C-alpha atoms as a PDB file:
ATOM      1  CA  ALA A   1     101.258  36.651  65.926  1.00  0.00           C
ATOM      2  CA  ALA A   2      97.467  37.116  66.944  1.00  0.00           C
ATOM      3  CA  GLU A   3      96.650  34.793  64.365  1.00  0.00           C
ATOM      4  CA  ALA A   4      98.271  31.972  65.702  1.00  0.00           C
ATOM      5  CA  GLN A   5      96.144  32.088  69.110  1.00  0.00           C
ATOM      6  CA  HIS A   6      93.333  31.796  67.323  1.00  0.00           C
ATOM      7  CA  VAL A   7      94.116  29.115  65.093  1.00  0.00           C
ATOM      8  CA  PRO A   8      91.571  26.646  66.303  1.00  0.00           C
ATOM      9  CA  LEU A   9      88.877  28.887  66.102  1.00  0.00           C
ATOM     10  CA  ILE A  10      89.681  30.194  62.384  1.00  0.00           C
ATOM     11  CA  ALA A  11      89.945  26.307  61.340  1.00  0.00           C
ATOM     12  CA  HIS A  12      86.706  26.034  62.546  1.00  0.00           C
ATOM     13  CA  MET A  13      85.003  28.721  60.976  1.00  0.00           C
ATOM     14  CA  ILE A  14      87.360  27.704  57.583  1.00  0.00           C
ATOM     15  CA  VAL A  15      85.299  24.287  57.763  1.00  0.00           C
ATOM     16  CA  GLY A  16      81.897  25.953  58.387  1.00  0.00           C
ATOM     17  CA  VAL A  17      82.577  27.666  55.257  1.00  0.00           C
ATOM     18  CA  ALA A  18      83.555  24.403  53.236  1.00  0.00           C
ATOM     19  CA  ASP A  19      80.093  23.487  54.637  1.00  0.00           C
ATOM     20  CA  GLN A  20      78.513  26.294  52.607  1.00  0.00           C
ATOM     21  CA  ALA A  21      80.628  25.654  49.224  1.00  0.00           C
ATOM     22  CA  LEU A  22      79.072  22.275  49.776  1.00  0.00           C
ATOM     23  CA  ARG A  23      75.606  23.315  50.103  1.00  0.00           C
ATOM     24  CA  ARG A  24      75.929  25.670  47.318  1.00  0.00           C
ATOM     25  CA  ASP A  25      77.279  22.633  44.724  1.00  0.00           C
ATOM     26  CA  GLU A  26      81.135  23.634  44.627  1.00  0.00           C
ATOM     27  CA  PRO A  27      82.329  20.009  46.196  1.00  0.00           C
ATOM     28  CA  GLU A  28      85.997  20.969  45.000  1.00  0.00           C
ATOM     29  CA  GLN A  29      86.178  24.324  46.913  1.00  0.00           C
ATOM     30  CA  ALA A  30      84.611  22.016  49.860  1.00  0.00           C
ATOM     31  CA  ALA A  31      87.563  20.162  49.489  1.00  0.00           C
ATOM     32  CA  ARG A  32      90.118  23.236  49.327  1.00  0.00           C
ATOM     33  CA  LEU A  33      88.908  25.054  52.430  1.00  0.00           C
ATOM     34  CA  LEU A  34      89.070  21.480  54.357  1.00  0.00           C
ATOM     35  CA  ALA A  35      92.685  21.315  53.305  1.00  0.00           C
ATOM     36  CA  ALA A  36      93.308  24.541  54.512  1.00  0.00           C
ATOM     37  CA  ALA A  37      91.980  24.067  57.908  1.00  0.00           C
ATOM     38  CA  ASP A  38      94.127  21.051  58.300  1.00  0.00           C
ATOM     39  CA  ASP A  39      96.602  22.676  56.989  1.00  0.00           C
ATOM     40  CA  LEU A  40      96.381  25.787  59.344  1.00  0.00           C
ATOM     41  CA  ARG A  41      95.641  23.478  62.630  1.00  0.00           C
ATOM     42  CA  GLY A  42      98.425  21.538  61.647  1.00  0.00           C
ATOM     43  CA  LEU A  43      96.731  18.023  61.543  1.00  0.00           C
ATOM     44  CA  PRO A  44      93.354  16.678  60.438  1.00  0.00           C
ATOM     45  CA  ASP A  45      90.248  17.831  62.716  1.00  0.00           C
ATOM     46  CA  ARG A  46      88.721  14.236  63.632  1.00  0.00           C
ATOM     47  CA  SER A  47      86.870  15.555  66.711  1.00  0.00           C
ATOM     48  CA  ARG A  48      84.321  17.245  65.115  1.00  0.00           C
ATOM     49  CA  PRO A  49      81.488  15.404  63.316  1.00  0.00           C
ATOM     50  CA  ASP A  50      80.717  18.223  60.434  1.00  0.00           C
ATOM     51  CA  VAL A  51      84.346  17.828  59.001  1.00  0.00           C
ATOM     52  CA  ALA A  52      83.688  13.661  58.402  1.00  0.00           C
ATOM     53  CA  ARG A  53      80.076  14.360  56.930  1.00  0.00           C
ATOM     54  CA  ILE A  54      81.427  17.121  54.731  1.00  0.00           C
ATOM     55  CA  GLU A  55      84.788  14.979  54.003  1.00  0.00           C
ATOM     56  CA  ARG A  56      82.635  12.037  52.810  1.00  0.00           C
ATOM     57  CA  THR A  57      79.952  13.828  50.897  1.00  0.00           C
ATOM     58  CA  VAL A  58      82.762  15.580  48.793  1.00  0.00           C
ATOM     59  CA  LEU A  59      85.005  12.336  48.623  1.00  0.00           C
ATOM     60  CA  ARG A  60      81.645  10.501  47.018  1.00  0.00           C
ATOM     61  CA  ARG A  61      80.805  13.354  44.664  1.00  0.00           C
ATOM     62  CA  LEU A  62      84.507  14.163  43.516  1.00  0.00           C
ATOM     63  CA  GLY A  63      86.085  10.480  43.601  1.00  0.00           C
ATOM     64  CA  GLU A  64      89.696   9.804  45.188  1.00  0.00           C
ATOM     65  CA  ALA A  65      91.398  11.677  42.453  1.00  0.00           C
ATOM     66  CA  LYS A  66      89.432  14.892  42.254  1.00  0.00           C
ATOM     67  CA  PHE A  67      89.137  15.189  46.023  1.00  0.00           C
ATOM     68  CA  ALA A  68      92.884  14.634  46.271  1.00  0.00           C
ATOM     69  CA  GLU A  69      93.477  17.122  43.900  1.00  0.00           C
ATOM     70  CA  ALA A  70      91.168  19.705  45.461  1.00  0.00           C
ATOM     71  CA  ALA A  71      92.789  19.380  48.745  1.00  0.00           C
ATOM     72  CA  ARG A  72      96.620  19.676  47.376  1.00  0.00           C
ATOM     73  CA  GLU A  73      95.300  22.869  45.828  1.00  0.00           C
ATOM     74  CA  GLY A  74      93.724  23.958  49.394  1.00  0.00           C
ATOM     75  CA  THR A  75      97.127  23.069  51.071  1.00  0.00           C
ATOM     76  CA  GLN A  76      98.877  25.632  48.611  1.00  0.00           C
ATOM     77  CA  ALA A  77      96.498  28.262  48.838  1.00  0.00           C
ATOM     78  CA  ASP A  78      95.942  31.213  51.184  1.00  0.00           C
ATOM     79  CA  TRP A  79      93.047  30.205  53.314  1.00  0.00           C
ATOM     80  CA  LYS A  80      91.623  33.922  53.463  1.00  0.00           C
ATOM     81  CA  GLN A  81      91.448  33.969  49.495  1.00  0.00           C
ATOM     82  CA  LEU A  82      89.632  30.612  49.487  1.00  0.00           C
ATOM     83  CA  VAL A  83      87.070  31.950  52.049  1.00  0.00           C
ATOM     84  CA  GLU A  84      86.668  35.379  50.459  1.00  0.00           C
ATOM     85  CA  VAL A  85      85.969  33.164  46.845  1.00  0.00           C
ATOM     86  CA  THR A  86      83.737  31.267  48.874  1.00  0.00           C
ATOM     87  CA  LEU A  87      81.684  34.044  50.519  1.00  0.00           C
ATOM     88  CA  ALA A  88      81.881  35.937  47.279  1.00  0.00           C
ATOM     89  CA  SER A  89      79.990  33.758  45.545  1.00  0.00           C
END
């Protein structure tokens, strides 16, 4: 219940971790994290330029098919595990 109150903040933090994954040359993980943030929020966040920048870069690097596959994985994964794996690498 307490987590629900902080969904926008948590989703924003996940986007930051996605940016970190991208900077570490892990575009698949960045796509997973973006999708997890959207899934947590319940809809895509088009209000933040970072989201669009990360998404464009990842899409360009992976192509549509790989991006879609990684995004699907992100919606099915536990966002906490995705963040943990990214920060541990």
